[in-house]
Protein backbone atom coordinates (compact mmCIF):
# COMPACT_ATOMS: atom_id res chain seq x y z
CA MET A 1 159.99 67.32 198.18
CA SER A 2 160.21 67.69 201.83
CA PRO A 3 159.57 70.99 203.25
CA ARG A 4 162.83 72.19 204.61
CA ARG A 5 162.66 73.39 208.33
CA HIS A 6 164.91 73.93 211.24
CA SER A 7 164.86 75.96 214.30
CA VAL A 8 167.96 77.90 215.41
CA THR A 9 168.85 80.52 218.31
CA VAL A 10 171.05 83.26 217.37
CA THR A 11 172.93 85.23 219.71
CA GLU A 12 173.17 89.26 218.90
CA PRO A 13 176.27 91.18 219.57
CA VAL A 14 176.86 91.92 223.17
CA GLY A 15 174.43 93.93 225.17
CA THR A 16 171.76 92.41 223.48
CA ASP A 17 169.46 88.90 224.42
CA PRO A 18 169.29 86.26 222.15
CA PHE A 19 166.47 85.60 219.63
CA SER A 20 164.73 82.19 218.30
CA CYS A 21 163.83 82.05 214.18
CA GLU A 22 162.24 78.64 213.34
CA GLU A 23 162.54 78.65 209.32
CA TYR A 24 160.00 76.35 207.52
CA GLY A 25 160.31 76.21 203.44
CA TYR A 26 158.23 74.70 201.08
CA GLY A 27 158.99 74.23 196.96
CA LEU A 28 161.73 76.52 197.37
CA GLY A 29 162.85 77.87 194.30
CA ARG A 30 159.71 77.49 192.61
CA VAL A 31 157.15 80.02 191.99
CA GLU A 32 154.61 78.69 194.32
CA GLY A 33 157.10 78.36 197.08
CA ILE A 34 156.90 79.70 200.26
CA LEU A 35 159.27 80.47 203.38
CA VAL A 36 158.15 81.12 206.97
CA LEU A 37 160.35 82.43 209.62
CA LYS A 38 159.30 82.30 212.77
CA TYR A 39 161.10 84.65 215.31
CA ARG A 40 160.70 85.75 218.81
CA SER A 41 163.08 87.80 221.16
CA ALA A 42 163.45 88.73 224.85
CA ALA A 43 164.70 92.31 223.26
CA VAL A 44 163.49 94.60 220.23
CA LEU A 45 163.08 92.64 216.85
CA GLU A 46 164.24 94.82 214.20
CA PHE A 47 164.26 93.49 210.49
CA GLY A 48 166.95 95.43 208.80
CA GLU A 49 167.80 98.91 208.37
CA SER A 50 166.86 100.10 205.16
CA ARG A 51 166.51 96.43 203.74
CA GLN A 52 165.74 95.62 200.17
CA ASP A 53 164.67 92.33 199.74
CA PHE A 54 165.03 89.93 196.81
CA LEU A 55 161.40 88.01 198.11
CA HIS A 56 158.27 89.46 198.50
CA GLN A 57 157.42 90.38 202.05
CA LEU A 58 154.66 89.49 204.50
CA TYR A 59 155.04 90.49 208.14
CA TRP A 60 152.61 89.49 210.89
CA SER A 61 152.34 89.33 214.57
CA PRO A 62 149.55 87.90 216.37
CA ASP A 63 150.55 89.66 219.92
CA GLY A 64 151.13 93.19 219.28
CA MET A 65 151.99 96.31 217.14
CA LEU A 66 154.32 96.23 214.36
CA SER A 67 156.20 99.58 213.50
CA THR A 68 156.75 99.76 209.84
CA SER A 69 158.68 102.23 207.53
CA TYR A 70 158.46 102.40 204.03
CA GLY A 71 159.84 105.98 202.45
CA ALA A 72 159.12 108.73 204.40
CA ARG A 73 156.10 107.04 206.07
CA THR A 74 155.68 105.35 209.58
CA GLN A 75 152.76 103.22 210.05
CA PHE A 76 151.61 101.10 212.68
CA VAL A 77 150.30 97.71 211.88
CA GLY A 78 147.97 95.52 214.40
CA HIS A 79 147.27 91.64 214.72
CA ARG A 80 144.52 91.59 212.60
CA GLU A 81 146.50 93.33 209.52
CA ALA A 82 150.17 92.66 208.13
CA PHE A 83 152.60 94.29 206.19
CA TRP A 84 153.44 93.92 202.95
CA ALA A 85 156.43 95.13 201.07
CA HIS A 86 157.15 94.07 197.30
CA ARG A 87 160.66 92.72 196.64
CA ALA A 88 163.63 95.24 195.98
CA VAL A 89 161.58 98.18 198.22
CA THR A 90 163.09 99.63 200.90
CA HIS A 91 161.50 99.15 204.24
CA GLU A 92 162.13 98.68 208.03
CA VAL A 93 159.66 96.79 210.71
CA ARG A 94 160.11 96.71 214.21
CA ALA A 95 158.24 94.76 216.90
CA ALA A 96 158.36 94.80 220.77
CA ASP A 97 159.81 92.33 222.86
CA ARG A 98 158.95 89.02 223.90
CA GLN A 99 156.70 89.42 220.79
CA THR A 100 156.33 86.68 218.21
CA VAL A 101 156.96 87.72 214.23
CA TYR A 102 156.23 85.91 211.34
CA ARG A 103 157.99 86.78 208.10
CA ILE A 104 156.30 85.16 204.99
CA CYS A 105 158.61 85.32 202.02
CA LEU A 106 156.74 84.68 198.77
CA ARG A 107 157.86 84.53 195.01
CA GLU A 108 154.50 85.48 193.94
CA THR A 109 152.55 88.70 194.53
CA PRO A 110 149.08 87.85 195.69
CA GLN A 111 146.52 89.20 193.07
CA VAL A 112 144.61 91.75 195.11
CA LEU A 113 148.16 93.44 196.10
CA THR A 114 149.11 93.96 192.50
CA GLY A 115 150.82 97.35 192.27
CA LEU A 116 151.18 97.96 195.94
CA ARG A 117 154.65 98.52 196.96
CA ALA A 118 153.92 98.62 200.27
CA GLY A 119 151.71 99.15 203.26
CA ALA A 120 149.45 97.73 205.88
CA VAL A 121 147.20 94.95 204.25
CA SER A 122 144.37 92.76 205.80
CA MET A 123 144.42 89.53 206.66
CA ALA A 124 141.29 87.39 207.30
CA PRO A 125 141.47 85.17 210.80
CA GLU A 126 141.64 82.07 208.57
CA ALA A 127 144.87 83.56 206.98
CA ALA A 128 146.38 84.37 210.30
CA ARG A 129 145.63 81.05 211.50
CA LEU A 130 147.21 78.88 208.24
CA ILE A 131 150.53 81.08 208.81
CA GLU A 132 150.69 79.51 212.14
CA THR A 133 149.75 76.10 210.78
CA ILE A 134 152.64 76.10 208.52
CA ALA A 135 155.07 77.07 210.70
CA ARG A 136 155.15 73.67 212.57
CA PRO A 137 156.84 71.02 212.03
CA SER A 138 154.10 68.93 211.59
CA CYS A 139 152.93 70.57 208.32
CA GLY A 140 153.47 68.71 205.70
CA GLU A 141 154.55 70.56 201.87
CA ALA A 142 150.73 69.06 200.25
CA GLU A 143 149.53 71.00 203.32
CA ALA A 144 151.50 73.62 203.05
CA PHE A 145 151.01 74.30 199.23
CA ALA A 146 146.99 74.22 200.29
CA ALA A 147 147.10 76.97 203.27
CA ARG A 148 149.52 79.39 200.96
CA ALA A 149 146.88 79.57 198.22
CA ARG A 150 143.99 80.09 201.37
CA ILE A 151 146.59 82.85 202.86
CA MET A 152 146.78 84.62 199.92
CA ALA A 153 143.26 84.90 199.12
CA GLY A 154 142.86 86.19 202.55
CA LEU A 155 144.98 88.97 202.09
CA GLY A 156 143.02 92.12 201.24
CA PRO A 157 144.61 96.21 200.69
CA ALA A 158 141.51 98.21 201.50
CA THR A 159 139.48 99.40 204.12
CA SER A 160 136.31 97.57 202.78
CA ASP A 161 138.65 94.38 202.83
CA PHE A 162 139.52 94.83 206.30
CA VAL A 163 136.23 95.16 207.51
CA GLY A 164 134.77 92.34 205.36
CA HIS A 165 137.58 89.85 207.28
CA HIS A 166 136.80 91.13 210.57
CA ALA A 167 133.30 92.75 211.32
CA ASN A 168 130.80 91.20 213.33
CA GLY A 169 128.54 94.47 213.48
CA THR A 170 128.23 97.44 211.49
CA GLY A 171 131.85 97.72 210.63
CA PHE A 172 132.00 101.38 212.07
CA ALA A 173 134.62 100.40 215.04
CA LEU A 174 136.19 98.48 213.20
CA THR A 175 137.14 101.40 210.65
CA VAL A 176 137.97 103.82 213.58
CA ALA A 177 140.14 100.88 215.27
CA ARG A 178 142.31 100.31 212.16
CA ALA A 179 142.99 104.13 211.60
CA LEU A 180 144.00 104.27 215.34
CA SER A 181 146.18 101.52 215.02
CA HIS A 182 147.92 103.41 211.98
CA ASP A 183 148.20 106.80 213.96
CA PRO A 184 147.20 106.04 217.78
CA GLY A 185 148.08 109.87 218.41
CA ASP A 186 144.72 110.79 216.39
CA GLU A 187 143.34 112.92 218.89
CA ALA A 188 139.46 112.73 217.75
CA GLY A 189 136.94 111.75 220.10
CA LEU A 190 133.84 109.20 219.77
CA ALA A 191 131.59 112.55 218.82
CA GLU A 192 134.20 113.56 216.10
CA TRP A 193 134.54 110.07 214.68
CA ALA A 194 130.93 109.36 214.46
CA GLU A 195 130.76 112.78 212.68
CA ARG A 196 133.21 111.51 209.52
CA LEU A 197 131.66 108.58 209.70
CA HIS A 198 127.87 109.95 209.74
CA VAL A 199 126.72 107.71 212.08
CA SER A 200 125.32 108.88 215.85
CA VAL A 201 127.19 108.55 218.98
CA LYS A 202 125.29 105.74 220.18
CA THR A 203 125.23 103.81 217.33
CA LEU A 204 129.50 103.97 217.33
CA GLN A 205 129.53 103.14 220.68
CA ARG A 206 127.36 99.99 220.48
CA ASP A 207 129.40 98.65 217.55
CA PHE A 208 133.00 99.13 219.99
CA GLU A 209 131.17 96.91 222.43
CA ARG A 210 129.62 95.00 220.05
CA GLU A 211 133.05 94.07 218.42
CA PHE A 212 135.60 94.72 221.44
CA GLY A 213 133.56 93.89 224.69
CA MET A 214 134.50 97.46 226.07
CA PRO A 215 133.97 101.01 224.73
CA TYR A 216 136.14 103.20 222.55
CA SER A 217 137.94 104.91 225.36
CA LYS A 218 139.48 102.02 226.23
CA VAL A 219 139.78 100.28 222.98
CA ARG A 220 142.22 103.48 222.28
CA THR A 221 144.20 103.20 225.22
CA LYS A 222 145.44 99.91 224.85
CA LEU A 223 146.08 100.54 221.09
CA ARG A 224 148.13 103.60 222.39
CA LEU A 225 149.90 101.46 225.19
CA SER A 226 150.76 98.87 223.06
CA THR A 227 152.11 100.93 220.37
CA SER A 228 154.54 102.58 222.72
CA ARG A 229 155.72 99.25 223.62
CA VAL A 230 157.51 99.38 220.52
CA LEU A 231 158.92 102.83 220.48
CA LEU A 232 160.16 103.04 223.85
CA GLU A 233 163.56 100.99 223.30
CA THR A 234 165.08 103.90 221.02
CA ARG A 235 162.86 106.76 222.32
CA PRO A 236 162.58 108.99 225.48
CA VAL A 237 159.39 108.48 227.53
CA ALA A 238 158.49 112.47 226.74
CA GLU A 239 158.80 111.75 223.32
CA VAL A 240 156.77 108.46 222.81
CA ALA A 241 153.62 110.15 224.96
CA HIS A 242 153.46 112.46 222.48
CA ARG A 243 154.05 110.41 219.74
CA VAL A 244 150.99 107.67 220.74
CA GLY A 245 148.59 110.70 221.86
CA TYR A 246 148.89 111.65 225.66
CA SER A 247 148.52 115.43 226.89
CA SER A 248 151.43 114.64 228.97
CA PRO A 249 154.49 112.41 230.02
CA SER A 250 152.79 111.99 233.40
CA ALA A 251 149.56 110.80 231.98
CA PHE A 252 151.06 108.40 229.98
CA ILE A 253 153.39 107.10 232.58
CA THR A 254 150.01 106.35 234.84
CA ALA A 255 148.30 104.65 231.87
CA PHE A 256 151.62 102.47 231.30
CA THR A 257 152.00 101.75 234.81
CA ARG A 258 148.42 100.27 235.25
CA GLU A 259 148.53 98.16 232.07
CA TYR A 260 151.86 96.45 232.51
CA GLY A 261 152.43 96.86 236.07
CA CYS A 262 156.01 98.97 235.48
CA THR A 263 157.04 102.29 234.40
CA PRO A 264 158.04 103.22 230.76
CA GLY A 265 161.47 103.94 232.13
CA ARG A 266 161.80 100.78 233.78
CA TYR A 267 160.56 98.98 230.99
CA ALA A 268 162.97 100.51 228.67
CA GLU A 269 165.73 99.77 230.81
CA ARG A 270 164.72 96.19 230.64
CA GLY A 271 164.84 95.78 234.26
CA TYR A 272 161.42 94.61 234.57
CA ASP A 273 160.49 90.92 234.95
CA GLY A 274 156.82 90.74 234.77
CA GLU A 275 154.73 89.38 232.02
CA GLY A 276 154.01 92.98 230.51
């Protein structure tokens, strides 16, 4: 059976921007089948309002944060993780503008995720690469099935899996970065994180330099600003500033403008034509 694949551009209701959706399906209708939907939009991408799907869903973005909701819990997910939702579980996912999002639909639950209804899961670098590989017209079905098995093997629900998939050093910096990506408003400083992890401040700072090539403070700022882009479409600047951990809207505006070349207000109004 040849893979089902096509690319379409769908125009949303008046007042919103068009988005593209490329669809790649392999073995559809079979337990081992996989459907990959690749989305990109000039505006914010929203995946349903309280959607309940009949297939298991895995959402991943290689170039930005995802805002995810499950029950009363809101969580942010970075590019080293994906968001898993068991079929028929109510959930919502949002992404910022000009952001690529992959939605992988499965009939089978990866063994390591058995019992997980919804939440952030670690994804090994190889699994991320293979998702991009099978979302291409040149990918054959045999290659896609082999990739599917390795993608599922590259998922993990626990912090230990996350560190194991990604750490080059001690894993302390990645543990902190994962916690911050889920809750960028956490106000803990480097010393407090070091105390929580029972390591010295010097050890933790050294691990940040090794893992990210920059200090803790810069990693935290980048995570906060990336997360703010997902929120600005629907929430006022002052609320977003507080949500991502800034003590005042002015401090947030200064940091955002320095990073993206425009104010948060202008960004939210879609009056900005830069690459941001």
